[in-house]
Amino acid sequence: MLNLSEFFKAAGDPTRQRILNLLIHYPAFNVNDLCHILNEPQSKISRHLSILRNSRWLVFKRRDKWVYYRLNPDLNQNLLDVLSKIFKDYLEFEADLKNAQTYV
């Protein structure tokens, strides 16, 4: 059963918001890609991905030696649309999307 408090709490962190924004616009990323795009260390990105995964924002799939993360397909599309509209006004998120173009 989904704990709504934990679900929305997970989305409250700025780094996790940046990850969610990227995954709203692109299908999937691995930890290494996210580290480069967000210019953050692997340990930090992995910790945030774990929180998002445990809160059911993300799902993952292993391909060869990499684990790729994507938005949970069970998420409500209206929720994702609202987040996308909120996130579009943040310049940092716009820069992240530009950085991500070289990884897709």
N, C-alpha and C. Protein backbone atom coordinates (compact mmCIF):
# COMPACT_ATOMS: atom_id res chain seq x y z
N MET A 1 0.84 -1.18 0.00
CA MET A 1 0.00 0.00 0.00
C MET A 1 0.88 1.24 0.00
N LEU A 2 0.50 2.22 -0.78
CA LEU A 2 1.26 3.45 -0.93
C LEU A 2 1.03 4.37 0.27
N ASN A 3 2.11 4.80 0.90
CA ASN A 3 2.05 5.76 1.99
C ASN A 3 2.21 7.15 1.36
N LEU A 4 1.12 7.90 1.26
CA LEU A 4 1.15 9.19 0.57
C LEU A 4 2.09 10.18 1.23
N SER A 5 2.18 10.14 2.54
CA SER A 5 3.09 11.05 3.24
C SER A 5 4.54 10.80 2.80
N GLU A 6 4.96 9.54 2.79
CA GLU A 6 6.32 9.19 2.37
C GLU A 6 6.52 9.47 0.88
N PHE A 7 5.50 9.21 0.10
CA PHE A 7 5.56 9.44 -1.35
C PHE A 7 5.87 10.90 -1.66
N PHE A 8 5.12 11.81 -1.06
CA PHE A 8 5.33 13.23 -1.33
C PHE A 8 6.55 13.78 -0.59
N LYS A 9 6.87 13.22 0.55
CA LYS A 9 8.08 13.62 1.26
C LYS A 9 9.32 13.34 0.40
N ALA A 10 9.30 12.22 -0.30
CA ALA A 10 10.43 11.86 -1.17
C ALA A 10 10.64 12.89 -2.27
N ALA A 11 9.58 13.51 -2.72
CA ALA A 11 9.68 14.50 -3.79
C ALA A 11 10.04 15.89 -3.27
N GLY A 12 10.22 16.04 -1.97
CA GLY A 12 10.48 17.34 -1.38
C GLY A 12 11.92 17.80 -1.43
N ASP A 13 12.83 16.93 -1.77
CA ASP A 13 14.26 17.28 -1.79
C ASP A 13 14.65 17.86 -3.15
N PRO A 14 15.44 18.93 -3.20
CA PRO A 14 15.82 19.54 -4.48
C PRO A 14 16.54 18.59 -5.44
N THR A 15 17.43 17.76 -4.94
CA THR A 15 18.13 16.83 -5.84
C THR A 15 17.16 15.81 -6.40
N ARG A 16 16.26 15.31 -5.57
CA ARG A 16 15.28 14.35 -6.06
C ARG A 16 14.32 15.01 -7.04
N GLN A 17 14.01 16.28 -6.84
CA GLN A 17 13.18 17.00 -7.81
C GLN A 17 13.89 17.10 -9.15
N ARG A 18 15.18 17.34 -9.12
CA ARG A 18 15.95 17.42 -10.37
C ARG A 18 15.94 16.07 -11.09
N ILE A 19 16.07 14.98 -10.34
CA ILE A 19 16.02 13.65 -10.94
C ILE A 19 14.64 13.39 -11.54
N LEU A 20 13.60 13.72 -10.80
CA LEU A 20 12.25 13.52 -11.31
C LEU A 20 12.02 14.35 -12.57
N ASN A 21 12.48 15.57 -12.57
CA ASN A 21 12.32 16.42 -13.75
C ASN A 21 12.98 15.79 -14.97
N LEU A 22 14.18 15.28 -14.80
CA LEU A 22 14.87 14.62 -15.91
C LEU A 22 14.08 13.42 -16.42
N LEU A 23 13.53 12.65 -15.50
CA LEU A 23 12.82 11.44 -15.90
C LEU A 23 11.41 11.72 -16.42
N ILE A 24 10.89 12.90 -16.16
CA ILE A 24 9.64 13.31 -16.80
C ILE A 24 9.89 13.55 -18.29
N HIS A 25 11.08 14.06 -18.61
CA HIS A 25 11.40 14.43 -19.99
C HIS A 25 12.15 13.37 -20.79
N TYR A 26 12.81 12.47 -20.11
CA TYR A 26 13.60 11.43 -20.78
C TYR A 26 13.21 10.07 -20.21
N PRO A 27 13.29 9.02 -21.01
CA PRO A 27 12.77 7.72 -20.58
C PRO A 27 13.52 7.06 -19.42
N ALA A 28 14.84 7.13 -19.40
CA ALA A 28 15.59 6.42 -18.37
C ALA A 28 17.03 6.90 -18.32
N PHE A 29 17.62 6.78 -17.14
CA PHE A 29 19.05 7.09 -16.95
C PHE A 29 19.64 6.10 -15.96
N ASN A 30 20.94 5.89 -16.10
CA ASN A 30 21.64 5.11 -15.08
C ASN A 30 22.32 6.08 -14.11
N VAL A 31 22.85 5.55 -13.03
CA VAL A 31 23.46 6.39 -12.00
C VAL A 31 24.60 7.23 -12.57
N ASN A 32 25.43 6.62 -13.38
CA ASN A 32 26.57 7.33 -13.96
C ASN A 32 26.12 8.54 -14.78
N ASP A 33 25.11 8.34 -15.61
CA ASP A 33 24.58 9.46 -16.40
C ASP A 33 24.08 10.58 -15.49
N LEU A 34 23.31 10.21 -14.48
CA LEU A 34 22.76 11.23 -13.57
C LEU A 34 23.86 11.97 -12.82
N CYS A 35 24.92 11.28 -12.46
CA CYS A 35 26.05 11.93 -11.79
C CYS A 35 26.65 13.01 -12.68
N HIS A 36 26.83 12.70 -13.95
CA HIS A 36 27.41 13.67 -14.88
C HIS A 36 26.45 14.83 -15.16
N ILE A 37 25.20 14.50 -15.39
CA ILE A 37 24.21 15.54 -15.71
C ILE A 37 24.04 16.51 -14.54
N LEU A 38 23.94 15.98 -13.34
CA LEU A 38 23.68 16.81 -12.16
C LEU A 38 24.95 17.30 -11.47
N ASN A 39 26.09 16.81 -11.93
CA ASN A 39 27.38 17.17 -11.35
C ASN A 39 27.40 16.90 -9.84
N GLU A 40 27.01 15.69 -9.50
CA GLU A 40 26.96 15.25 -8.10
C GLU A 40 27.67 13.92 -7.98
N PRO A 41 28.19 13.59 -6.79
CA PRO A 41 28.89 12.31 -6.60
C PRO A 41 27.94 11.12 -6.64
N GLN A 42 28.49 9.98 -7.00
CA GLN A 42 27.72 8.75 -7.15
C GLN A 42 26.99 8.37 -5.85
N SER A 43 27.64 8.53 -4.73
CA SER A 43 27.02 8.16 -3.46
C SER A 43 25.74 8.98 -3.20
N LYS A 44 25.79 10.25 -3.51
CA LYS A 44 24.63 11.11 -3.30
C LYS A 44 23.48 10.73 -4.24
N ILE A 45 23.79 10.53 -5.51
CA ILE A 45 22.76 10.18 -6.49
C ILE A 45 22.16 8.82 -6.15
N SER A 46 23.00 7.85 -5.79
CA SER A 46 22.49 6.52 -5.43
C SER A 46 21.55 6.58 -4.24
N ARG A 47 21.89 7.39 -3.25
CA ARG A 47 21.04 7.53 -2.06
C ARG A 47 19.68 8.11 -2.44
N HIS A 48 19.69 9.13 -3.28
CA HIS A 48 18.43 9.75 -3.70
C HIS A 48 17.60 8.80 -4.57
N LEU A 49 18.25 8.05 -5.43
CA LEU A 49 17.53 7.08 -6.25
C LEU A 49 16.88 6.00 -5.37
N SER A 50 17.57 5.59 -4.35
CA SER A 50 17.03 4.60 -3.44
C SER A 50 15.78 5.12 -2.74
N ILE A 51 15.82 6.35 -2.31
CA ILE A 51 14.64 6.95 -1.65
C ILE A 51 13.47 7.04 -2.62
N LEU A 52 13.74 7.48 -3.84
CA LEU A 52 12.67 7.58 -4.84
C LEU A 52 12.11 6.21 -5.21
N ARG A 53 12.98 5.23 -5.28
CA ARG A 53 12.54 3.87 -5.59
C ARG A 53 11.69 3.31 -4.44
N ASN A 54 12.16 3.47 -3.22
CA ASN A 54 11.41 2.97 -2.06
C ASN A 54 10.08 3.67 -1.88
N SER A 55 9.97 4.89 -2.35
CA SER A 55 8.72 5.67 -2.25
C SER A 55 7.83 5.46 -3.47
N ARG A 56 8.25 4.60 -4.35
CA ARG A 56 7.50 4.20 -5.55
C ARG A 56 7.40 5.27 -6.63
N TRP A 57 8.28 6.23 -6.60
CA TRP A 57 8.35 7.18 -7.70
C TRP A 57 9.04 6.54 -8.90
N LEU A 58 10.02 5.69 -8.63
CA LEU A 58 10.83 5.10 -9.69
C LEU A 58 10.78 3.59 -9.68
N VAL A 59 11.05 3.04 -10.85
CA VAL A 59 11.31 1.61 -11.00
C VAL A 59 12.65 1.49 -11.71
N PHE A 60 13.23 0.29 -11.69
CA PHE A 60 14.53 0.13 -12.32
C PHE A 60 14.59 -1.17 -13.09
N LYS A 61 15.56 -1.21 -14.01
CA LYS A 61 15.79 -2.41 -14.80
C LYS A 61 17.28 -2.54 -15.04
N ARG A 62 17.79 -3.73 -14.84
CA ARG A 62 19.22 -3.99 -15.05
C ARG A 62 19.44 -4.36 -16.52
N ARG A 63 20.41 -3.66 -17.14
CA ARG A 63 20.84 -3.99 -18.50
C ARG A 63 22.35 -4.13 -18.47
N ASP A 64 22.82 -5.35 -18.68
CA ASP A 64 24.25 -5.66 -18.58
C ASP A 64 24.74 -5.25 -17.19
N LYS A 65 25.75 -4.38 -17.14
CA LYS A 65 26.29 -3.97 -15.84
C LYS A 65 25.62 -2.72 -15.28
N TRP A 66 24.68 -2.14 -16.00
CA TRP A 66 24.05 -0.90 -15.57
C TRP A 66 22.64 -1.12 -15.08
N VAL A 67 22.22 -0.30 -14.13
CA VAL A 67 20.84 -0.26 -13.67
C VAL A 67 20.24 1.04 -14.15
N TYR A 68 19.14 0.94 -14.89
CA TYR A 68 18.48 2.12 -15.44
C TYR A 68 17.21 2.41 -14.65
N TYR A 69 17.04 3.67 -14.33
CA TYR A 69 15.90 4.12 -13.55
C TYR A 69 14.95 4.90 -14.45
N ARG A 70 13.66 4.70 -14.21
CA ARG A 70 12.63 5.44 -14.94
C ARG A 70 11.47 5.69 -14.00
N LEU A 71 10.58 6.58 -14.41
CA LEU A 71 9.40 6.84 -13.59
C LEU A 71 8.54 5.59 -13.52
N ASN A 72 7.93 5.38 -12.39
CA ASN A 72 7.01 4.27 -12.22
C ASN A 72 5.84 4.44 -13.20
N PRO A 73 5.60 3.47 -14.07
CA PRO A 73 4.51 3.62 -15.04
C PRO A 73 3.13 3.69 -14.40
N ASP A 74 3.02 3.33 -13.12
CA ASP A 74 1.74 3.41 -12.42
C ASP A 74 1.42 4.81 -11.90
N LEU A 75 2.39 5.74 -12.03
CA LEU A 75 2.13 7.11 -11.56
C LEU A 75 1.03 7.76 -12.39
N ASN A 76 0.24 8.56 -11.74
CA ASN A 76 -0.84 9.28 -12.39
C ASN A 76 -0.28 10.33 -13.35
N GLN A 77 -0.72 10.31 -14.60
CA GLN A 77 -0.21 11.25 -15.60
C GLN A 77 -0.52 12.70 -15.24
N ASN A 78 -1.67 12.94 -14.61
CA ASN A 78 -2.01 14.31 -14.19
C ASN A 78 -0.99 14.84 -13.19
N LEU A 79 -0.56 13.99 -12.27
CA LEU A 79 0.47 14.37 -11.31
C LEU A 79 1.76 14.75 -12.02
N LEU A 80 2.17 13.95 -12.99
CA LEU A 80 3.40 14.23 -13.74
C LEU A 80 3.27 15.52 -14.55
N ASP A 81 2.10 15.77 -15.10
CA ASP A 81 1.86 17.01 -15.85
C ASP A 81 1.99 18.23 -14.94
N VAL A 82 1.43 18.15 -13.74
CA VAL A 82 1.52 19.25 -12.78
C VAL A 82 2.98 19.48 -12.39
N LEU A 83 3.71 18.41 -12.08
CA LEU A 83 5.13 18.55 -11.74
C LEU A 83 5.91 19.18 -12.88
N SER A 84 5.65 18.75 -14.08
CA SER A 84 6.35 19.30 -15.24
C SER A 84 6.11 20.80 -15.36
N LYS A 85 4.88 21.24 -15.14
CA LYS A 85 4.56 22.67 -15.20
C LYS A 85 5.26 23.45 -14.09
N ILE A 86 5.32 22.86 -12.91
CA ILE A 86 6.00 23.53 -11.79
C ILE A 86 7.50 23.61 -12.06
N PHE A 87 8.09 22.52 -12.50
CA PHE A 87 9.53 22.45 -12.70
C PHE A 87 10.03 23.33 -13.84
N LYS A 88 9.20 23.62 -14.83
CA LYS A 88 9.67 24.36 -16.02
C LYS A 88 10.13 25.78 -15.70
N ASP A 89 9.74 26.31 -14.56
CA ASP A 89 10.12 27.67 -14.20
C ASP A 89 11.47 27.77 -13.48
N TYR A 90 12.12 26.66 -13.24
CA TYR A 90 13.40 26.66 -12.53
C TYR A 90 14.55 26.55 -13.52
N LEU A 91 15.42 27.56 -13.53
CA LEU A 91 16.52 27.60 -14.48
C LEU A 91 17.48 26.42 -14.29
N GLU A 92 17.70 26.01 -13.06
CA GLU A 92 18.59 24.88 -12.80
C GLU A 92 18.05 23.62 -13.48
N PHE A 93 16.74 23.44 -13.46
CA PHE A 93 16.15 22.27 -14.10
C PHE A 93 16.31 22.36 -15.62
N GLU A 94 16.22 23.56 -16.16
CA GLU A 94 16.41 23.76 -17.60
C GLU A 94 17.84 23.40 -17.99
N ALA A 95 18.80 23.80 -17.19
CA ALA A 95 20.21 23.46 -17.46
C ALA A 95 20.41 21.95 -17.40
N ASP A 96 19.76 21.28 -16.44
CA ASP A 96 19.85 19.82 -16.35
C ASP A 96 19.35 19.16 -17.64
N LEU A 97 18.25 19.67 -18.18
CA LEU A 97 17.69 19.09 -19.41
C LEU A 97 18.65 19.27 -20.58
N LYS A 98 19.32 20.41 -20.64
CA LYS A 98 20.32 20.63 -21.69
C LYS A 98 21.49 19.67 -21.53
N ASN A 99 21.97 19.51 -20.30
CA ASN A 99 23.06 18.58 -20.04
C ASN A 99 22.68 17.14 -20.40
N ALA A 100 21.44 16.81 -20.20
CA ALA A 100 20.99 15.43 -20.44
C ALA A 100 20.96 15.07 -21.92
N GLN A 101 20.88 16.04 -22.79
CA GLN A 101 20.79 15.77 -24.22
C GLN A 101 21.96 14.94 -24.74
N THR A 102 23.11 15.06 -24.12
CA THR A 102 24.27 14.29 -24.59
C THR A 102 24.25 12.86 -24.08
N TYR A 103 23.32 12.52 -23.19
CA TYR A 103 23.27 11.17 -22.61
C TYR A 103 22.10 10.34 -23.09
N VAL A 104 21.32 10.89 -23.99
CA VAL A 104 20.17 10.11 -24.52
C VAL A 104 20.38 9.71 -25.95
